[in-house]
PDB file of N, CA and C in Angstrom:
ATOM      1  N   MET A   1      -9.088  51.628 126.418  1.00  0.00           N
ATOM      2  CA  MET A   1     -10.099  50.215 125.996  1.00  0.00           C
ATOM      3  C   MET A   1     -11.263  50.901 125.408  1.00  0.00           C
ATOM      4  N   THR A   2     -11.580  51.416 124.450  1.00  0.00           N
ATOM      5  CA  THR A   2     -12.179  51.672 123.532  1.00  0.00           C
ATOM      6  C   THR A   2     -13.996  51.192 123.587  1.00  0.00           C
ATOM      7  N   ALA A   3     -14.923  52.040 123.780  1.00  0.00           N
ATOM      8  CA  ALA A   3     -16.213  51.708 124.390  1.00  0.00           C
ATOM      9  C   ALA A   3     -16.612  51.253 123.129  1.00  0.00           C
ATOM     10  N   ARG A   4     -17.784  50.379 122.887  1.00  0.00           N
ATOM     11  CA  ARG A   4     -17.966  49.858 121.545  1.00  0.00           C
ATOM     12  C   ARG A   4     -19.051  50.529 121.207  1.00  0.00           C
ATOM     13  N   PRO A   5     -19.360  50.787 119.644  1.00  0.00           N
ATOM     14  CA  PRO A   5     -20.264  51.696 119.664  1.00  0.00           C
ATOM     15  C   PRO A   5     -21.877  50.760 119.944  1.00  0.00           C
ATOM     16  N   PRO A   6     -22.651  51.823 120.429  1.00  0.00           N
ATOM     17  CA  PRO A   6     -23.891  50.653 120.395  1.00  0.00           C
ATOM     18  C   PRO A   6     -24.593  49.971 119.248  1.00  0.00           C
ATOM     19  N   THR A   7     -24.851  48.688 119.142  1.00  0.00           N
ATOM     20  CA  THR A   7     -25.958  48.247 117.982  1.00  0.00           C
ATOM     21  C   THR A   7     -27.582  48.697 117.524  1.00  0.00           C
ATOM     22  N   PRO A   8     -27.390  49.564 116.694  1.00  0.00           N
ATOM     23  CA  PRO A   8     -29.159  49.813 116.321  1.00  0.00           C
ATOM     24  C   PRO A   8     -29.817  48.675 116.079  1.00  0.00           C
ATOM     25  N   ARG A   9     -31.197  49.431 116.798  1.00  0.00           N
ATOM     26  CA  ARG A   9     -32.155  48.336 116.652  1.00  0.00           C
ATOM     27  C   ARG A   9     -32.660  48.306 115.383  1.00  0.00           C
ATOM     28  N   ARG A  10     -33.626  46.978 115.287  1.00  0.00           N
ATOM     29  CA  ARG A  10     -33.337  46.464 113.925  1.00  0.00           C
ATOM     30  C   ARG A  10     -34.869  45.558 114.336  1.00  0.00           C
ATOM     31  N   ALA A  11     -36.039  46.055 113.232  1.00  0.00           N
ATOM     32  CA  ALA A  11     -37.539  45.320 113.891  1.00  0.00           C
ATOM     33  C   ALA A  11     -37.369  44.526 112.892  1.00  0.00           C
ATOM     34  N   PRO A  12     -38.068  43.321 112.786  1.00  0.00           N
ATOM     35  CA  PRO A  12     -37.910  42.430 111.580  1.00  0.00           C
ATOM     36  C   PRO A  12     -39.427  42.820 110.177  1.00  0.00           C
ATOM     37  N   ILE A  13     -39.066  42.792 109.259  1.00  0.00           N
ATOM     38  CA  ILE A  13     -40.150  42.995 108.124  1.00  0.00           C
ATOM     39  C   ILE A  13     -40.631  42.000 107.519  1.00  0.00           C
ATOM     40  N   THR A  14     -41.749  42.243 107.332  1.00  0.00           N
ATOM     41  CA  THR A  14     -42.541  41.132 106.788  1.00  0.00           C
ATOM     42  C   THR A  14     -41.764  41.181 105.321  1.00  0.00           C
ATOM     43  N   ASP A  15     -41.939  40.027 104.110  1.00  0.00           N
ATOM     44  CA  ASP A  15     -41.376  39.797 102.620  1.00  0.00           C
ATOM     45  C   ASP A  15     -42.306  40.617 102.100  1.00  0.00           C
ATOM     46  N   TRP A  16     -43.800  41.201 102.662  1.00  0.00           N
ATOM     47  CA  TRP A  16     -44.401  41.960 101.607  1.00  0.00           C
ATOM     48  C   TRP A  16     -43.501  43.340 101.999  1.00  0.00           C
ATOM     49  N   THR A  17     -43.221  43.525 103.135  1.00  0.00           N
ATOM     50  CA  THR A  17     -42.307  45.027 103.411  1.00  0.00           C
ATOM     51  C   THR A  17     -41.411  45.043 102.305  1.00  0.00           C
ATOM     52  N   HIS A  18     -40.306  43.974 102.366  1.00  0.00           N
ATOM     53  CA  HIS A  18     -39.027  43.756 102.291  1.00  0.00           C
ATOM     54  C   HIS A  18     -39.402  43.934  99.921  1.00  0.00           C
ATOM     55  N   ARG A  19     -40.241  43.222  99.695  1.00  0.00           N
ATOM     56  CA  ARG A  19     -40.409  43.520  98.329  1.00  0.00           C
ATOM     57  C   ARG A  19     -41.133  45.087  97.714  1.00  0.00           C
ATOM     58  N   VAL A  20     -42.062  45.508  98.277  1.00  0.00           N
ATOM     59  CA  VAL A  20     -41.614  47.317  98.481  1.00  0.00           C
ATOM     60  C   VAL A  20     -40.482  48.271  98.551  1.00  0.00           C
ATOM     61  N   LEU A  21     -39.703  47.602  99.558  1.00  0.00           N
ATOM     62  CA  LEU A  21     -38.109  47.808  99.733  1.00  0.00           C
ATOM     63  C   LEU A  21     -37.605  47.993  98.536  1.00  0.00           C
ATOM     64  N   THR A  22     -37.407  46.913  98.095  1.00  0.00           N
ATOM     65  CA  THR A  22     -36.439  46.376  97.405  1.00  0.00           C
ATOM     66  C   THR A  22     -36.671  46.747  95.272  1.00  0.00           C
ATOM     67  N   HIS A  23     -38.025  46.731  95.120  1.00  0.00           N
ATOM     68  CA  HIS A  23     -38.414  47.094  93.751  1.00  0.00           C
ATOM     69  C   HIS A  23     -39.164  48.859  93.664  1.00  0.00           C
ATOM     70  N   ALA A  24     -39.609  48.792  94.838  1.00  0.00           N
ATOM     71  CA  ALA A  24     -40.272  50.969  94.900  1.00  0.00           C
ATOM     72  C   ALA A  24     -39.217  51.745  95.144  1.00  0.00           C
ATOM     73  N   TYR A  25     -38.374  51.462  95.782  1.00  0.00           N
ATOM     74  CA  TYR A  25     -37.184  51.972  96.260  1.00  0.00           C
ATOM     75  C   TYR A  25     -35.669  51.467  96.139  1.00  0.00           C
ATOM     76  N   ARG A  26     -35.090  51.159  95.347  1.00  0.00           N
ATOM     77  CA  ARG A  26     -34.370  50.334  94.763  1.00  0.00           C
ATOM     78  C   ARG A  26     -33.150  51.677  94.716  1.00  0.00           C
ATOM     79  N   GLY A  27     -32.231  50.535  95.119  1.00  0.00           N
ATOM     80  CA  GLY A  27     -31.175  51.687  95.398  1.00  0.00           C
ATOM     81  C   GLY A  27     -30.677  52.812  96.479  1.00  0.00           C
ATOM     82  N   GLN A  28     -31.835  52.795  97.647  1.00  0.00           N
ATOM     83  CA  GLN A  28     -31.896  53.408  98.496  1.00  0.00           C
ATOM     84  C   GLN A  28     -31.984  52.387  99.818  1.00  0.00           C
ATOM     85  N   PRO A  29     -31.472  53.062 100.744  1.00  0.00           N
ATOM     86  CA  PRO A  29     -30.933  51.837 102.265  1.00  0.00           C
ATOM     87  C   PRO A  29     -32.096  51.688 102.990  1.00  0.00           C
ATOM     88  N   PRO A  30     -32.520  50.994 102.894  1.00  0.00           N
ATOM     89  CA  PRO A  30     -34.058  50.660 103.640  1.00  0.00           C
ATOM     90  C   PRO A  30     -34.352  51.087 105.141  1.00  0.00           C
ATOM     91  N   ALA A  31     -33.642  51.355 105.317  1.00  0.00           N
ATOM     92  CA  ALA A  31     -33.188  52.150 106.678  1.00  0.00           C
ATOM     93  C   ALA A  31     -33.633  53.597 106.777  1.00  0.00           C
ATOM     94  N   ASP A  32     -33.243  53.758 105.387  1.00  0.00           N
ATOM     95  CA  ASP A  32     -33.521  55.773 105.031  1.00  0.00           C
ATOM     96  C   ASP A  32     -34.660  55.887 104.759  1.00  0.00           C
ATOM     97  N   VAL A  33     -35.160  54.853 104.267  1.00  0.00           N
ATOM     98  CA  VAL A  33     -36.742  55.040 103.423  1.00  0.00           C
ATOM     99  C   VAL A  33     -38.266  54.748 104.626  1.00  0.00           C
ATOM    100  N   ILE A  34     -37.765  53.739 105.782  1.00  0.00           N
ATOM    101  CA  ILE A  34     -38.243  53.604 106.474  1.00  0.00           C
ATOM    102  C   ILE A  34     -38.924  54.074 107.439  1.00  0.00           C
ATOM    103  N   ALA A  35     -36.904  55.365 107.755  1.00  0.00           N
ATOM    104  CA  ALA A  35     -37.678  56.703 108.846  1.00  0.00           C
ATOM    105  C   ALA A  35     -37.984  57.561 107.965  1.00  0.00           C
ATOM    106  N   ARG A  36     -37.730  57.768 106.379  1.00  0.00           N
ATOM    107  CA  ARG A  36     -38.568  58.901 105.767  1.00  0.00           C
ATOM    108  C   ARG A  36     -40.727  58.534 105.914  1.00  0.00           C
ATOM    109  N   ALA A  37     -41.023  57.250 105.782  1.00  0.00           N
ATOM    110  CA  ALA A  37     -42.126  56.765 106.212  1.00  0.00           C
ATOM    111  C   ALA A  37     -42.248  56.773 107.446  1.00  0.00           C
ATOM    112  N   VAL A  38     -41.656  56.480 108.428  1.00  0.00           N
ATOM    113  CA  VAL A  38     -42.464  56.902 110.063  1.00  0.00           C
ATOM    114  C   VAL A  38     -42.569  58.482 110.266  1.00  0.00           C
ATOM    115  N   ARG A  39     -41.255  59.179 109.649  1.00  0.00           N
ATOM    116  CA  ARG A  39     -42.077  60.992 109.781  1.00  0.00           C
ATOM    117  C   ARG A  39     -43.230  61.423 109.240  1.00  0.00           C
ATOM    118  N   LEU A  40     -43.364  60.593 107.677  1.00  0.00           N
ATOM    119  CA  LEU A  40     -44.462  61.244 107.094  1.00  0.00           C
ATOM    120  C   LEU A  40     -45.957  60.514 108.027  1.00  0.00           C
ATOM    121  N   LEU A  41     -45.399  59.855 108.165  1.00  0.00           N
ATOM    122  CA  LEU A  41     -47.408  59.180 109.522  1.00  0.00           C
ATOM    123  C   LEU A  41     -47.454  59.886 110.463  1.00  0.00           C
ATOM    124  N   ALA A  42     -45.896  60.221 111.324  1.00  0.00           N
ATOM    125  CA  ALA A  42     -45.961  60.816 112.220  1.00  0.00           C
ATOM    126  C   ALA A  42     -46.409  62.542 112.530  1.00  0.00           C
ATOM    127  N   THR A  43     -45.510  62.845 110.870  1.00  0.00           N
ATOM    128  CA  THR A  43     -46.381  64.164 110.749  1.00  0.00           C
ATOM    129  C   THR A  43     -47.951  64.025 110.198  1.00  0.00           C
ATOM    130  N   ALA A  44     -48.267  63.335 109.677  1.00  0.00           N
ATOM    131  CA  ALA A  44     -49.895  63.461 109.106  1.00  0.00           C
ATOM    132  C   ALA A  44     -50.859  62.912 111.081  1.00  0.00           C
ATOM    133  N   ASP A  45     -49.687  62.273 111.715  1.00  0.00           N
ATOM    134  CA  ASP A  45     -50.979  61.911 112.601  1.00  0.00           C
ATOM    135  C   ASP A  45     -51.088  63.111 113.678  1.00  0.00           C
ATOM    136  N   GLY A  46     -50.485  63.981 113.587  1.00  0.00           N
ATOM    137  CA  GLY A  46     -49.897  65.294 114.186  1.00  0.00           C
ATOM    138  C   GLY A  46     -49.218  65.022 115.209  1.00  0.00           C
ATOM    139  N   HIS A  47     -47.784  64.270 115.497  1.00  0.00           N
ATOM    140  CA  HIS A  47     -46.991  63.778 116.435  1.00  0.00           C
ATOM    141  C   HIS A  47     -45.970  64.876 116.271  1.00  0.00           C
ATOM    142  N   LEU A  48     -45.544  65.145 114.813  1.00  0.00           N
ATOM    143  CA  LEU A  48     -44.318  65.927 114.832  1.00  0.00           C
ATOM    144  C   LEU A  48     -44.954  67.229 114.473  1.00  0.00           C
ATOM    145  N   ASP A  49     -43.725  68.532 114.857  1.00  0.00           N
ATOM    146  CA  ASP A  49     -44.798  69.578 114.707  1.00  0.00           C
ATOM    147  C   ASP A  49     -43.657  70.426 113.252  1.00  0.00           C
ATOM    148  N   THR A  50     -43.853  71.244 112.395  1.00  0.00           N
ATOM    149  CA  THR A  50     -43.489  71.210 111.338  1.00  0.00           C
ATOM    150  C   THR A  50     -42.167  71.391 111.111  1.00  0.00           C
ATOM    151  N   ARG A  51     -41.680  71.441 112.550  1.00  0.00           N
ATOM    152  CA  ARG A  51     -40.284  71.511 112.411  1.00  0.00           C
ATOM    153  C   ARG A  51     -39.629  69.739 112.530  1.00  0.00           C
ATOM    154  N   GLY A  52     -40.341  69.071 112.788  1.00  0.00           N
ATOM    155  CA  GLY A  52     -40.019  68.083 113.062  1.00  0.00           C
ATOM    156  C   GLY A  52     -39.594  67.442 114.375  1.00  0.00           C
ATOM    157  N   GLN A  53     -40.440  68.177 115.526  1.00  0.00           N
ATOM    158  CA  GLN A  53     -39.945  67.839 116.564  1.00  0.00           C
ATOM    159  C   GLN A  53     -41.227  67.289 117.461  1.00  0.00           C
ATOM    160  N   LEU A  54     -41.054  66.421 117.993  1.00  0.00           N
ATOM    161  CA  LEU A  54     -41.822  65.593 118.535  1.00  0.00           C
ATOM    162  C   LEU A  54     -43.252  66.954 119.062  1.00  0.00           C
ATOM    163  N   THR A  55     -44.364  66.103 119.111  1.00  0.00           N
ATOM    164  CA  THR A  55     -45.582  67.672 119.836  1.00  0.00           C
ATOM    165  C   THR A  55     -45.731  66.505 121.238  1.00  0.00           C
ATOM    166  N   THR A  56     -46.110  67.061 121.543  1.00  0.00           N
ATOM    167  CA  THR A  56     -46.506  67.379 123.057  1.00  0.00           C
ATOM    168  C   THR A  56     -48.209  66.904 123.184  1.00  0.00           C
ATOM    169  N   GLU A  57     -48.853  66.362 123.616  1.00  0.00           N
ATOM    170  CA  GLU A  57     -49.920  66.825 124.201  1.00  0.00           C
ATOM    171  C   GLU A  57     -50.639  68.176 124.386  1.00  0.00           C
ATOM    172  N   ARG A  58     -50.356  68.718 125.464  1.00  0.00           N
ATOM    173  CA  ARG A  58     -50.515  69.934 125.615  1.00  0.00           C
ATOM    174  C   ARG A  58     -50.245  70.740 124.749  1.00  0.00           C
ATOM    175  N   ALA A  59     -49.090  70.834 123.850  1.00  0.00           N
ATOM    176  CA  ALA A  59     -48.856  71.782 123.362  1.00  0.00           C
ATOM    177  C   ALA A  59     -49.876  71.999 121.985  1.00  0.00           C
ATOM    178  N   ALA A  60     -50.584  70.312 121.460  1.00  0.00           N
ATOM    179  CA  ALA A  60     -51.284  69.997 120.463  1.00  0.00           C
ATOM    180  C   ALA A  60     -52.658  70.639 120.881  1.00  0.00           C
ATOM    181  N   ARG A  61     -53.230  70.694 121.984  1.00  0.00           N
ATOM    182  CA  ARG A  61     -54.678  70.907 122.676  1.00  0.00           C
ATOM    183  C   ARG A  61     -54.277  72.581 122.593  1.00  0.00           C
ATOM    184  N   ARG A  62     -52.912  73.218 122.851  1.00  0.00           N
ATOM    185  CA  ARG A  62     -53.126  74.793 122.431  1.00  0.00           C
ATOM    186  C   ARG A  62     -53.573  74.952 121.173  1.00  0.00           C
ATOM    187  N   GLN A  63     -52.574  73.756 120.194  1.00  0.00           N
ATOM    188  CA  GLN A  63     -52.680  74.701 118.944  1.00  0.00           C
ATOM    189  C   GLN A  63     -54.241  74.454 118.106  1.00  0.00           C
ATOM    190  N   LYS A  64     -55.269  74.193 118.972  1.00  0.00           N
ATOM    191  CA  LYS A  64     -56.412  73.262 118.433  1.00  0.00           C
ATOM    192  C   LYS A  64     -57.429  74.890 118.989  1.00  0.00           C
TER     193      LYS A  64
END
C-alpha cells in the first residue's frame, strides 16, 4: 500500500484578489503568482536574506 501524497494547503481568496489574478496575471498559475508575491513581501520586510533563506531575529540584529 502506498501513501497518498499530502494535500496542499489552500487559503480562501477574496473576489478582488481573484479578479487581479485572472486579469493581471492571465495564463499564470495563481499559486505561482501568490508565491512570488509572498517572497517579494518577505524580502522587503527583511524576513528573507538575499539567497531567499529565512532570517532569524538574531541574524537580523547582527546585520544592523
